[in-house]
C-alpha atoms as a PDB file:
ATOM      1  CA  MET A   1      -1.085 -73.274-104.430  1.00  0.00           C
ATOM      2  CA  ILE A   2       1.158 -71.147-106.456  1.00  0.00           C
ATOM      3  CA  SER A   3       4.061 -72.846-108.266  1.00  0.00           C
ATOM      4  CA  ALA A   4       5.928 -70.327-110.936  1.00  0.00           C
ATOM      5  CA  PHE A   5       5.442 -67.326-112.937  1.00  0.00           C
ATOM      6  CA  GLN A   6       4.024 -68.925-115.961  1.00  0.00           C
ATOM      7  CA  SER A   7       4.646 -65.541-118.331  1.00  0.00           C
ATOM      8  CA  ILE A   8       4.603 -61.674-117.876  1.00  0.00           C
ATOM      9  CA  THR A   9       2.836 -59.577-120.624  1.00  0.00           C
ATOM     10  CA  ILE A  10       4.065 -56.231-121.429  1.00  0.00           C
ATOM     11  CA  GLY A  11       2.246 -53.584-123.511  1.00  0.00           C
ATOM     12  CA  VAL A  12       4.281 -51.541-125.795  1.00  0.00           C
ATOM     13  CA  LYS A  13       4.176 -48.788-128.586  1.00  0.00           C
ATOM     14  CA  ASP A  14       6.713 -50.559-131.164  1.00  0.00           C
ATOM     15  CA  VAL A  15       6.834 -54.417-130.813  1.00  0.00           C
ATOM     16  CA  GLU A  16       9.794 -54.572-132.950  1.00  0.00           C
ATOM     17  CA  HIS A  17      11.941 -52.208-131.083  1.00  0.00           C
ATOM     18  CA  SER A  18      10.862 -53.558-127.646  1.00  0.00           C
ATOM     19  CA  ALA A  19      11.016 -57.103-128.526  1.00  0.00           C
ATOM     20  CA  GLY A  20      14.932 -56.322-129.747  1.00  0.00           C
ATOM     21  CA  PHE A  21      16.104 -54.701-126.526  1.00  0.00           C
ATOM     22  CA  TYR A  22      14.792 -57.928-124.447  1.00  0.00           C
ATOM     23  CA  ARG A  23      16.375 -60.118-126.899  1.00  0.00           C
ATOM     24  CA  GLU A  24      19.880 -58.537-127.198  1.00  0.00           C
ATOM     25  CA  PHE A  25      20.125 -57.085-123.706  1.00  0.00           C
ATOM     26  CA  LEU A  26      18.138 -59.137-121.338  1.00  0.00           C
ATOM     27  CA  GLY A  27      18.651 -62.550-122.377  1.00  0.00           C
ATOM     28  CA  PHE A  28      15.110 -63.481-123.898  1.00  0.00           C
ATOM     29  CA  SER A  29      16.576 -64.801-127.221  1.00  0.00           C
ATOM     30  CA  ASP A  30      14.278 -67.333-128.253  1.00  0.00           C
ATOM     31  CA  VAL A  31      11.268 -66.305-130.186  1.00  0.00           C
ATOM     32  CA  LEU A  32       8.774 -68.658-129.623  1.00  0.00           C
ATOM     33  CA  ASP A  33       5.822 -66.490-131.428  1.00  0.00           C
ATOM     34  CA  ASP A  34       5.135 -63.770-133.616  1.00  0.00           C
ATOM     35  CA  SER A  35       1.550 -63.254-134.608  1.00  0.00           C
ATOM     36  CA  THR A  36      -1.224 -60.667-135.318  1.00  0.00           C
ATOM     37  CA  ASP A  37      -4.675 -61.885-134.281  1.00  0.00           C
ATOM     38  CA  TYR A  38      -8.063 -60.736-132.574  1.00  0.00           C
ATOM     39  CA  LEU A  39      -7.788 -61.262-129.052  1.00  0.00           C
ATOM     40  CA  GLU A  40     -11.199 -63.001-128.720  1.00  0.00           C
ATOM     41  CA  GLU A  41     -10.120 -64.612-125.469  1.00  0.00           C
ATOM     42  CA  LEU A  42      -9.433 -61.442-124.061  1.00  0.00           C
ATOM     43  CA  GLU A  43     -12.370 -59.651-125.034  1.00  0.00           C
ATOM     44  CA  PRO A  44     -14.260 -59.732-121.634  1.00  0.00           C
ATOM     45  CA  VAL A  45     -10.976 -58.810-119.904  1.00  0.00           C
ATOM     46  CA  ILE A  46     -10.317 -55.781-122.509  1.00  0.00           C
ATOM     47  CA  GLY A  47     -13.928 -54.693-122.825  1.00  0.00           C
ATOM     48  CA  ALA A  48     -13.676 -54.851-126.593  1.00  0.00           C
ATOM     49  CA  LEU A  49     -12.461 -57.047-129.405  1.00  0.00           C
ATOM     50  CA  ILE A  50      -8.718 -55.910-130.504  1.00  0.00           C
ATOM     51  CA  GLN A  51      -6.274 -56.792-132.811  1.00  0.00           C
ATOM     52  CA  ALA A  52      -2.554 -57.325-131.616  1.00  0.00           C
ATOM     53  CA  ARG A  53       0.555 -58.197-132.506  1.00  0.00           C
ATOM     54  CA  LYS A  54       2.183 -60.606-130.019  1.00  0.00           C
ATOM     55  CA  VAL A  55       5.858 -61.576-129.787  1.00  0.00           C
ATOM     56  CA  THR A  56       6.510 -64.024-127.368  1.00  0.00           C
ATOM     57  CA  LEU A  57      10.216 -64.599-125.797  1.00  0.00           C
ATOM     58  CA  ARG A  58      11.762 -67.030-123.663  1.00  0.00           C
ATOM     59  CA  ASP A  59      14.918 -67.065-121.580  1.00  0.00           C
ATOM     60  CA  LYS A  60      16.982 -70.041-122.227  1.00  0.00           C
ATOM     61  CA  ILE A  61      18.471 -70.540-118.912  1.00  0.00           C
ATOM     62  CA  SER A  62      15.442 -70.330-116.761  1.00  0.00           C
ATOM     63  CA  GLY A  63      12.752 -71.072-119.108  1.00  0.00           C
ATOM     64  CA  SER A  64      11.076 -67.420-118.112  1.00  0.00           C
ATOM     65  CA  VAL A  65       8.537 -66.214-120.870  1.00  0.00           C
ATOM     66  CA  LEU A  66       7.641 -62.616-121.739  1.00  0.00           C
ATOM     67  CA  HIS A  67       4.938 -61.608-124.189  1.00  0.00           C
ATOM     68  CA  ILE A  68       5.320 -58.295-125.942  1.00  0.00           C
ATOM     69  CA  VAL A  69       2.236 -56.768-127.340  1.00  0.00           C
ATOM     70  CA  GLU A  70       1.476 -54.248-129.495  1.00  0.00           C
ATOM     71  CA  HIS A  71      -2.179 -52.858-130.102  1.00  0.00           C
ATOM     72  CA  ILE A  72      -2.778 -52.633-133.879  1.00  0.00           C
ATOM     73  CA  SER A  73      -6.380 -51.984-134.431  1.00  0.00           C
ATOM     74  CA  THR A  74      -5.944 -49.056-131.663  1.00  0.00           C
ATOM     75  CA  LYS A  75      -3.242 -46.682-130.737  1.00  0.00           C
ATOM     76  CA  PRO A  76      -1.391 -48.469-127.398  1.00  0.00           C
ATOM     77  CA  LEU A  77      -1.842 -45.658-124.668  1.00  0.00           C
ATOM     78  CA  PRO A  78       0.792 -44.205-122.266  1.00  0.00           C
ATOM     79  CA  PRO A  79      -0.095 -43.411-118.584  1.00  0.00           C
ATOM     80  CA  LEU A  80      -2.105 -40.528-118.370  1.00  0.00           C
ATOM     81  CA  ALA A  81       1.091 -38.946-116.247  1.00  0.00           C
ATOM     82  CA  PRO A  82       4.518 -40.200-115.344  1.00  0.00           C
ATOM     83  CA  ILE A  83       4.602 -43.074-113.003  1.00  0.00           C
ATOM     84  CA  GLU A  84       5.813 -42.332-109.733  1.00  0.00           C
ATOM     85  CA  TRP A  85       6.982 -44.888-107.103  1.00  0.00           C
ATOM     86  CA  GLY A  86       3.818 -45.780-104.946  1.00  0.00           C
ATOM     87  CA  ASP A  87       1.624 -45.417-108.006  1.00  0.00           C
ATOM     88  CA  THR A  88      -0.890 -48.464-107.738  1.00  0.00           C
ATOM     89  CA  GLY A  89      -0.552 -51.345-110.147  1.00  0.00           C
ATOM     90  CA  TYR A  90       2.433 -53.149-111.694  1.00  0.00           C
ATOM     91  CA  LEU A  91       5.065 -50.743-111.028  1.00  0.00           C
ATOM     92  CA  GLU A  92       8.402 -52.943-111.754  1.00  0.00           C
ATOM     93  CA  LEU A  93       9.648 -55.912-113.409  1.00  0.00           C
ATOM     94  CA  GLY A  94      12.568 -57.660-111.424  1.00  0.00           C
ATOM     95  CA  LEU A  95      15.105 -60.122-113.318  1.00  0.00           C
ATOM     96  CA  ARG A  96      17.433 -62.386-111.887  1.00  0.00           C
ATOM     97  CA  ALA A  97      21.341 -61.721-112.939  1.00  0.00           C
ATOM     98  CA  PHE A  98      24.289 -63.870-112.486  1.00  0.00           C
ATOM     99  CA  HIS A  99      27.899 -61.579-111.946  1.00  0.00           C
ATOM    100  CA  LEU A 100      25.866 -58.523-111.911  1.00  0.00           C
ATOM    101  CA  GLU A 101      28.760 -56.109-111.518  1.00  0.00           C
ATOM    102  CA  GLN A 102      30.275 -57.335-114.797  1.00  0.00           C
ATOM    103  CA  LEU A 103      26.938 -57.636-116.669  1.00  0.00           C
ATOM    104  CA  TYR A 104      26.382 -53.658-115.568  1.00  0.00           C
ATOM    105  CA  LEU A 105      29.673 -52.842-117.157  1.00  0.00           C
ATOM    106  CA  ASP A 106      28.929 -54.690-120.231  1.00  0.00           C
ATOM    107  CA  LEU A 107      25.380 -53.578-120.776  1.00  0.00           C
ATOM    108  CA  LYS A 108      26.789 -50.053-120.427  1.00  0.00           C
ATOM    109  CA  SER A 109      29.504 -50.299-123.088  1.00  0.00           C
ATOM    110  CA  ARG A 110      26.621 -51.290-125.176  1.00  0.00           C
ATOM    111  CA  GLY A 111      24.539 -48.170-124.568  1.00  0.00           C
ATOM    112  CA  VAL A 112      22.340 -49.397-121.991  1.00  0.00           C
ATOM    113  CA  ASP A 113      21.307 -46.604-119.590  1.00  0.00           C
ATOM    114  CA  PHE A 114      21.024 -47.284-115.946  1.00  0.00           C
ATOM    115  CA  ILE A 115      19.086 -45.173-113.318  1.00  0.00           C
ATOM    116  CA  THR A 116      21.365 -46.223-110.366  1.00  0.00           C
ATOM    117  CA  PRO A 117      24.863 -47.946-110.444  1.00  0.00           C
ATOM    118  CA  VAL A 118      25.223 -51.276-108.897  1.00  0.00           C
ATOM    119  CA  ARG A 119      24.177 -51.081-105.179  1.00  0.00           C
ATOM    120  CA  SER A 120      24.224 -53.802-102.224  1.00  0.00           C
ATOM    121  CA  ILE A 121      21.688 -54.368 -99.393  1.00  0.00           C
ATOM    122  CA  ASP A 122      21.658 -56.589 -96.699  1.00  0.00           C
ATOM    123  CA  ALA A 123      19.650 -59.590 -97.655  1.00  0.00           C
ATOM    124  CA  SER A 124      17.360 -61.637 -95.169  1.00  0.00           C
ATOM    125  CA  SER A 125      19.932 -64.704 -96.013  1.00  0.00           C
ATOM    126  CA  GLY A 126      22.713 -62.520 -94.241  1.00  0.00           C
ATOM    127  CA  ARG A 127      24.519 -62.056 -97.514  1.00  0.00           C
ATOM    128  CA  ARG A 128      24.923 -59.000 -99.107  1.00  0.00           C
ATOM    129  CA  GLY A 129      22.511 -58.840-102.024  1.00  0.00           C
ATOM    130  CA  LEU A 130      23.330 -56.860-105.326  1.00  0.00           C
ATOM    131  CA  TYR A 131      20.814 -54.811-107.297  1.00  0.00           C
ATOM    132  CA  THR A 132      20.551 -52.223-109.981  1.00  0.00           C
ATOM    133  CA  TYR A 133      17.674 -50.252-111.877  1.00  0.00           C
ATOM    134  CA  LEU A 134      17.087 -49.357-115.466  1.00  0.00           C
ATOM    135  CA  ARG A 135      13.952 -48.633-117.748  1.00  0.00           C
ATOM    136  CA  ASP A 136      13.114 -50.225-120.961  1.00  0.00           C
ATOM    137  CA  PRO A 137      12.191 -48.310-124.238  1.00  0.00           C
ATOM    138  CA  ASP A 138       8.785 -47.589-123.067  1.00  0.00           C
ATOM    139  CA  GLY A 139       9.779 -46.429-119.697  1.00  0.00           C
ATOM    140  CA  LEU A 140       8.962 -49.570-117.571  1.00  0.00           C
ATOM    141  CA  LEU A 141      11.066 -49.735-114.375  1.00  0.00           C
ATOM    142  CA  LEU A 142      13.097 -52.859-114.207  1.00  0.00           C
ATOM    143  CA  GLN A 143      15.227 -54.052-111.249  1.00  0.00           C
ATOM    144  CA  LEU A 144      18.148 -56.463-112.105  1.00  0.00           C
ATOM    145  CA  VAL A 145      19.155 -58.625-108.971  1.00  0.00           C
ATOM    146  CA  GLU A 146      22.139 -60.892-108.634  1.00  0.00           C
ATOM    147  CA  ILE A 147      21.525 -64.468-107.828  1.00  0.00           C
ATOM    148  CA  GLN A 148      24.351 -66.920-107.514  1.00  0.00           C
ATOM    149  CA  GLY A 149      25.573 -69.252-110.259  1.00  0.00           C
ATOM    150  CA  GLY A 150      26.090 -68.866-113.768  1.00  0.00           C
ATOM    151  CA  GLU A 151      29.249 -69.120-115.821  1.00  0.00           C
ATOM    152  CA  ARG A 152      29.077 -65.578-117.215  1.00  0.00           C
ATOM    153  CA  PRO A 153      27.533 -62.531-116.744  1.00  0.00           C
ATOM    154  CA  ARG A 154      23.973 -62.613-118.064  1.00  0.00           C
ATOM    155  CA  VAL A 155      20.272 -62.022-117.242  1.00  0.00           C
ATOM    156  CA  ALA A 156      18.560 -65.243-115.928  1.00  0.00           C
ATOM    157  CA  GLY A 157      14.887 -65.017-115.980  1.00  0.00           C
ATOM    158  CA  ILE A 158      12.070 -63.508-114.082  1.00  0.00           C
ATOM    159  CA  GLY A 159      12.677 -62.796-110.473  1.00  0.00           C
ATOM    160  CA  HIS A 160       9.564 -60.792-109.119  1.00  0.00           C
ATOM    161  CA  VAL A 161       6.897 -58.141-109.950  1.00  0.00           C
ATOM    162  CA  GLY A 162       6.674 -54.845-107.711  1.00  0.00           C
ATOM    163  CA  VAL A 163       2.907 -53.799-107.229  1.00  0.00           C
ATOM    164  CA  GLY A 164       2.261 -50.390-106.143  1.00  0.00           C
ATOM    165  CA  VAL A 165      -0.630 -50.910-103.399  1.00  0.00           C
ATOM    166  CA  GLY A 166      -3.062 -48.512-101.542  1.00  0.00           C
ATOM    167  CA  ASP A 167      -3.329 -50.700 -98.487  1.00  0.00           C
ATOM    168  CA  MET A 168      -0.635 -53.225 -97.472  1.00  0.00           C
ATOM    169  CA  LYS A 169      -2.898 -55.290 -95.301  1.00  0.00           C
ATOM    170  CA  LYS A 170      -5.545 -55.550 -97.871  1.00  0.00           C
ATOM    171  CA  ALA A 171      -2.817 -56.940-100.434  1.00  0.00           C
ATOM    172  CA  GLN A 172      -1.007 -58.931 -98.216  1.00  0.00           C
ATOM    173  CA  ASN A 173      -4.319 -60.872 -97.323  1.00  0.00           C
ATOM    174  CA  PHE A 174      -4.819 -61.132-101.142  1.00  0.00           C
ATOM    175  CA  TYR A 175      -1.259 -62.119-102.224  1.00  0.00           C
ATOM    176  CA  ALA A 176      -0.782 -64.459 -98.803  1.00  0.00           C
ATOM    177  CA  ASP A 177      -4.136 -65.669 -97.657  1.00  0.00           C
ATOM    178  CA  LEU A 178      -6.139 -66.095-100.985  1.00  0.00           C
ATOM    179  CA  LEU A 179      -3.058 -66.583-103.572  1.00  0.00           C
ATOM    180  CA  GLY A 180      -0.670 -68.676-101.152  1.00  0.00           C
ATOM    181  CA  LEU A 181       2.211 -66.401-101.167  1.00  0.00           C
ATOM    182  CA  GLU A 182       2.474 -66.869 -97.270  1.00  0.00           C
ATOM    183  CA  GLU A 183       5.987 -66.234 -96.866  1.00  0.00           C
ATOM    184  CA  THR A 184       7.284 -62.757 -96.277  1.00  0.00           C
ATOM    185  CA  VAL A 185      11.016 -62.799 -97.418  1.00  0.00           C
ATOM    186  CA  TYR A 186      11.650 -59.494 -96.828  1.00  0.00           C
ATOM    187  CA  GLU A 187      10.344 -56.308 -94.916  1.00  0.00           C
ATOM    188  CA  PHE A 188      11.331 -52.457 -95.011  1.00  0.00           C
ATOM    189  CA  LYS A 189       9.940 -49.561 -93.706  1.00  0.00           C
ATOM    190  CA  GLY A 190      11.048 -45.870 -93.976  1.00  0.00           C
ATOM    191  CA  ARG A 191      13.214 -43.997 -96.249  1.00  0.00           C
ATOM    192  CA  PHE A 192      15.741 -45.422 -98.537  1.00  0.00           C
ATOM    193  CA  PRO A 193      18.258 -42.949 -99.579  1.00  0.00           C
ATOM    194  CA  GLU A 194      20.422 -45.059-102.093  1.00  0.00           C
ATOM    195  CA  LEU A 195      16.855 -45.627-103.794  1.00  0.00           C
ATOM    196  CA  ASP A 196      16.246 -41.850-103.966  1.00  0.00           C
ATOM    197  CA  GLU A 197      16.580 -41.826-108.040  1.00  0.00           C
ATOM    198  CA  VAL A 198      14.060 -44.324-107.989  1.00  0.00           C
ATOM    199  CA  THR A 199      11.639 -43.567-105.205  1.00  0.00           C
ATOM    200  CA  GLY A 200      11.522 -39.579-105.108  1.00  0.00           C
ATOM    201  CA  GLY A 201      12.680 -39.641-101.553  1.00  0.00           C
ATOM    202  CA  LYS A 202       9.274 -40.981-100.245  1.00  0.00           C
ATOM    203  CA  ASP A 203       9.071 -43.131 -97.373  1.00  0.00           C
ATOM    204  CA  MET A 204       7.647 -46.439 -98.191  1.00  0.00           C
ATOM    205  CA  GLU A 205       6.615 -49.958 -96.882  1.00  0.00           C
ATOM    206  CA  VAL A 206       7.936 -52.904 -98.890  1.00  0.00           C
ATOM    207  CA  ALA A 207       7.141 -56.687 -98.561  1.00  0.00           C
ATOM    208  CA  LEU A 208       8.293 -59.408-100.327  1.00  0.00           C
ATOM    209  CA  VAL A 209       5.883 -62.449-100.632  1.00  0.00           C
ATOM    210  CA  ALA A 210       6.562 -65.774-101.791  1.00  0.00           C
ATOM    211  CA  ARG A 211       5.471 -69.157-101.569  1.00  0.00           C
ATOM    212  CA  ASP A 212       8.549 -70.239 -99.529  1.00  0.00           C
ATOM    213  CA  MET A 213      12.303 -69.400 -98.855  1.00  0.00           C
ATOM    214  CA  ALA A 214      13.244 -71.030-101.569  1.00  0.00           C
ATOM    215  CA  ALA A 215      15.911 -68.995-103.921  1.00  0.00           C
ATOM    216  CA  LEU A 216      13.714 -69.302-107.157  1.00  0.00           C
ATOM    217  CA  SER A 217      10.213 -69.242-105.579  1.00  0.00           C
ATOM    218  CA  PRO A 218       7.802 -66.692-107.484  1.00  0.00           C
ATOM    219  CA  THR A 219       7.763 -63.478-105.469  1.00  0.00           C
ATOM    220  CA  ILE A 220       5.666 -60.476-105.446  1.00  0.00           C
ATOM    221  CA  LYS A 221       7.015 -56.949-104.094  1.00  0.00           C
ATOM    222  CA  LEU A 222       4.462 -55.191-102.436  1.00  0.00           C
ATOM    223  CA  ILE A 223       5.177 -51.332-102.336  1.00  0.00           C
ATOM    224  CA  HIS A 224       3.099 -49.039-100.232  1.00  0.00           C
ATOM    225  CA  THR A 225       3.985 -45.142 -99.604  1.00  0.00           C
ATOM    226  CA  PRO A 226       2.220 -43.697 -96.817  1.00  0.00           C
ATOM    227  CA  GLY A 227       2.740 -40.186 -97.445  1.00  0.00           C
ATOM    228  CA  TYR A 228       1.723 -40.267-101.162  1.00  0.00           C
ATOM    229  CA  LYS A 229      -1.501 -41.591-102.079  1.00  0.00           C
ATOM    230  CA  GLY A 230      -0.614 -43.313-105.446  1.00  0.00           C
ATOM    231  CA  LYS A 231      -2.816 -42.778-108.757  1.00  0.00           C
ATOM    232  CA  PRO A 232      -3.878 -46.024-110.820  1.00  0.00           C
ATOM    233  CA  ILE A 233      -0.963 -46.978-113.403  1.00  0.00           C
ATOM    234  CA  LEU A 234      -3.920 -48.449-115.529  1.00  0.00           C
ATOM    235  CA  GLU A 235      -6.393 -45.301-115.365  1.00  0.00           C
ATOM    236  CA  ALA A 236      -8.406 -44.683-118.164  1.00  0.00           C
ATOM    237  CA  ARG A 237      -6.329 -47.428-120.143  1.00  0.00           C
ATOM    238  CA  ARG A 238      -7.050 -51.094-121.090  1.00  0.00           C
ATOM    239  CA  TRP A 239      -4.853 -54.301-120.998  1.00  0.00           C
ATOM    240  CA  GLY A 240      -2.423 -54.102-123.570  1.00  0.00           C
ATOM    241  CA  ASP A 241      -1.588 -50.408-123.151  1.00  0.00           C
ATOM    242  CA  ILE A 242       2.005 -49.398-122.364  1.00  0.00           C
ATOM    243  CA  GLY A 243       3.084 -51.146-119.334  1.00  0.00           C
ATOM    244  CA  ILE A 244       3.103 -54.545-117.693  1.00  0.00           C
ATOM    245  CA  ALA A 245      -0.651 -55.941-118.740  1.00  0.00           C
ATOM    246  CA  GLU A 246      -0.670 -58.842-116.905  1.00  0.00           C
ATOM    247  CA  ILE A 247       1.041 -61.408-114.919  1.00  0.00           C
ATOM    248  CA  ALA A 248       0.314 -64.948-115.133  1.00  0.00           C
ATOM    249  CA  LEU A 249       1.045 -67.366-112.044  1.00  0.00           C
ATOM    250  CA  LEU A 250       0.813 -71.185-112.367  1.00  0.00           C
ATOM    251  CA  VAL A 251      -1.410 -72.936-110.063  1.00  0.00           C
ATOM    252  CA  GLU A 252      -1.358 -76.724-108.870  1.00  0.00           C
ATOM    253  CA  ASP A 253      -4.917 -77.087-108.462  1.00  0.00           C
ATOM    254  CA  LEU A 254      -7.084 -73.965-110.148  1.00  0.00           C
ATOM    255  CA  ASN A 255     -10.469 -75.382-108.583  1.00  0.00           C
ATOM    256  CA  VAL A 256      -9.319 -75.090-104.963  1.00  0.00           C
ATOM    257  CA  VAL A 257      -7.661 -71.326-105.891  1.00  0.00           C
ATOM    258  CA  ILE A 258     -11.128 -70.396-107.778  1.00  0.00           C
ATOM    259  CA  ASN A 259     -13.151 -71.614-104.666  1.00  0.00           C
ATOM    260  CA  ARG A 260     -10.627 -69.687-102.069  1.00  0.00           C
ATOM    261  CA  LEU A 261     -10.937 -66.409-104.438  1.00  0.00           C
ATOM    262  CA  ILE A 262     -14.408 -66.633-104.420  1.00  0.00           C
ATOM    263  CA  ALA A 263     -15.147 -67.255-100.860  1.00  0.00           C
ATOM    264  CA  GLY A 264     -12.798 -64.207-100.256  1.00  0.00           C
ATOM    265  CA  GLY A 265     -15.005 -61.795-102.638  1.00  0.00           C
ATOM    266  CA  VAL A 266     -12.778 -61.777-105.718  1.00  0.00           C
ATOM    267  CA  GLU A 267     -14.780 -61.581-108.810  1.00  0.00           C
ATOM    268  CA  LEU A 268     -13.666 -63.450-111.966  1.00  0.00           C
ATOM    269  CA  MET A 269     -13.276 -61.548-115.116  1.00  0.00           C
ATOM    270  CA  ASN A 270     -14.120 -64.597-117.447  1.00  0.00           C
ATOM    271  CA  PRO A 271     -15.047 -68.247-116.651  1.00  0.00           C
ATOM    272  CA  PRO A 272     -12.620 -70.683-116.782  1.00  0.00           C
ATOM    273  CA  ALA A 273     -11.310 -71.205-120.170  1.00  0.00           C
ATOM    274  CA  LYS A 274     -10.113 -74.631-121.772  1.00  0.00           C
ATOM    275  CA  ILE A 275      -7.823 -74.285-124.811  1.00  0.00           C
ATOM    276  CA  ARG A 276      -4.738 -76.068-123.788  1.00  0.00           C
ATOM    277  CA  ASP A 277      -4.603 -74.878-120.267  1.00  0.00           C
ATOM    278  CA  SER A 278      -7.162 -74.147-117.765  1.00  0.00           C
ATOM    279  CA  SER A 279      -6.991 -70.286-117.029  1.00  0.00           C
ATOM    280  CA  ILE A 280      -8.854 -67.770-115.219  1.00  0.00           C
ATOM    281  CA  TYR A 281      -8.457 -63.796-115.306  1.00  0.00           C
ATOM    282  CA  LEU A 282      -9.119 -61.886-112.146  1.00  0.00           C
ATOM    283  CA  SER A 283      -8.387 -58.124-110.918  1.00  0.00           C
ATOM    284  CA  THR A 284      -6.079 -57.466-107.974  1.00  0.00           C
ATOM    285  CA  PRO A 285      -7.360 -55.326-105.251  1.00  0.00           C
ATOM    286  CA  GLU A 286      -5.166 -52.580-107.520  1.00  0.00           C
ATOM    287  CA  GLU A 287      -7.113 -53.199-110.599  1.00  0.00           C
ATOM    288  CA  ALA A 288      -4.497 -54.866-112.081  1.00  0.00           C
ATOM    289  CA  VAL A 289      -5.000 -58.030-114.362  1.00  0.00           C
ATOM    290  CA  LEU A 290      -4.063 -61.250-112.984  1.00  0.00           C
ATOM    291  CA  LYS A 291      -4.164 -64.599-114.699  1.00  0.00           C
ATOM    292  CA  LEU A 292      -4.205 -67.645-113.016  1.00  0.00           C
ATOM    293  CA  VAL A 293      -3.129 -70.714-115.322  1.00  0.00           C
ATOM    294  CA  GLU A 294      -3.180 -74.812-114.485  1.00  0.00           C
ATOM    295  CA  GLU A 295      -1.350 -76.515-117.087  1.00  0.00           C
ATOM    296  CA  ALA A 296      -2.972 -79.570-118.436  1.00  0.00           C
ATOM    297  CA  GLU A 297      -1.639 -82.844-117.214  1.00  0.00           C
ATOM    298  CA  GLN A 298      -2.194 -84.093-120.734  1.00  0.00           C
ATOM    299  CA  THR A 299      -3.046 -82.505-123.986  1.00  0.00           C
ATOM    300  CA  PRO A 300      -6.947 -83.120-124.527  1.00  0.00           C
ATOM    301  CA  SER A 301      -7.888 -85.849-127.509  1.00  0.00           C
ATOM    302  CA  ALA A 302      -8.807 -84.048-130.815  1.00  0.00           C
ATOM    303  CA  ILE A 303     -11.081 -87.371-131.459  1.00  0.00           C
ATOM    304  CA  PRO A 304     -14.681 -87.030-130.627  1.00  0.00           C
ATOM    305  CA  PRO A 305     -15.365 -89.160-127.735  1.00  0.00           C
ATOM    306  CA  LYS A 306     -17.909 -91.641-129.371  1.00  0.00           C
ATOM    307  CA  THR A 307     -15.796 -91.874-132.434  1.00  0.00           C
ATOM    308  CA  LEU A 308     -13.047 -92.812-130.007  1.00  0.00           C
ATOM    309  CA  LYS A 309     -15.214 -95.634-128.203  1.00  0.00           C
ATOM    310  CA  ARG A 310     -16.413 -97.011-131.682  1.00  0.00           C
ATOM    311  CA  ALA A 311     -12.804 -97.505-132.709  1.00  0.00           C
ATOM    312  CA  LEU A 312     -11.590 -99.034-129.367  1.00  0.00           C
ATOM    313  CA  ASN A 313     -14.541-101.376-129.695  1.00  0.00           C
ATOM    314  CA  ARG A 314     -13.512-102.647-133.165  1.00  0.00           C
ATOM    315  CA  PHE A 315      -9.945-102.891-131.789  1.00  0.00           C
ATOM    316  CA  LYS A 316     -11.017-105.164-129.136  1.00  0.00           C
ATOM    317  CA  GLU A 317     -13.229-107.345-131.787  1.00  0.00           C
ATOM    318  CA  SER A 318     -10.346-107.556-133.772  1.00  0.00           C
ATOM    319  CA  ALA A 319      -7.977-108.948-130.905  1.00  0.00           C
ATOM    320  CA  ARG A 320     -10.668-111.377-130.042  1.00  0.00           C
ATOM    321  CA  THR A 321     -10.990-112.740-133.526  1.00  0.00           C
ATOM    322  CA  MET A 322      -6.882-112.799-133.826  1.00  0.00           C
ATOM    323  CA  ARG A 323      -6.621-115.000-130.682  1.00  0.00           C
ATOM    324  CA  THR A 324      -9.575-117.006-132.049  1.00  0.00           C
ATOM    325  CA  SER A 325      -7.692-118.106-135.226  1.00  0.00           C
ATOM    326  CA  LYS A 326      -4.667-118.351-133.413  1.00  0.00           C
ATOM    327  CA  GLN A 327      -6.139-121.188-131.032  1.00  0.00           C
ATOM    328  CA  GLU A 328      -8.029-123.311-134.433  1.00  0.00           C
ATOM    329  CA  PRO A 329      -5.716-126.333-135.743  1.00  0.00           C
END
């Protein structure tokens, strides 16, 4: 069962600039890591051993994590053509926000450009939902969606990932039946004139699928454009090239999910890896990279089992000796 977003990885052309954008404007102010390494764990996914710089950022309020990655050994590649609404793969990143109207004005005053003003939509809860769209320095589509709470205007972590799909039924089967995001919290079919700046005026089908109706449940936004056959966003490119490289989801029982995926005909991109977490990589029906992570309940001991057993036996023997000596007059 999916429990939360573990992290989102975004490939960029300039890690300093992009990390600065997310830190300064979008609330991911904690820097957890800044390192340059060869990505050995990802070699089966990428198809080559590459060197990359990764800056890991965290939102203080929600704990949401972003990995900002720049290829070092090779040039990070942009999409072959400008991404359009309905192209297949990871299409948008959705971020939650407190007091969106004030936040919008604050960010505009600081030089952030928006695609749309703040607009409203009737949410499934019956309340008016507020949202706006902008792009990050590399052109990644970002949607800010208002949630209740918060003492001041600010972004409050990851809310959803928008995925362009070529077949809505196949996508719903994958995300709902195989990954357990069984609750459809919102559906829409048709043209949405208020979003023409984003969608190009296309007719669309949209379904938001989540684990449950809870406000903070991880959500995938499935987007299909019946009149437009979307091109693959990652076509002729690799993990870590410009755009969303992967989403990582936390699962409660990875073995159960693996068995369900294999039974459903899904091929894993790598065997389960035990470093600190148990994890697998797989390709979605849109050929995007998805990582499933089961956090270890406890950190494995670094002491070899035989050494640990010998030490425990010596401890038991010493304890027996101490008890015997105390019983002697």
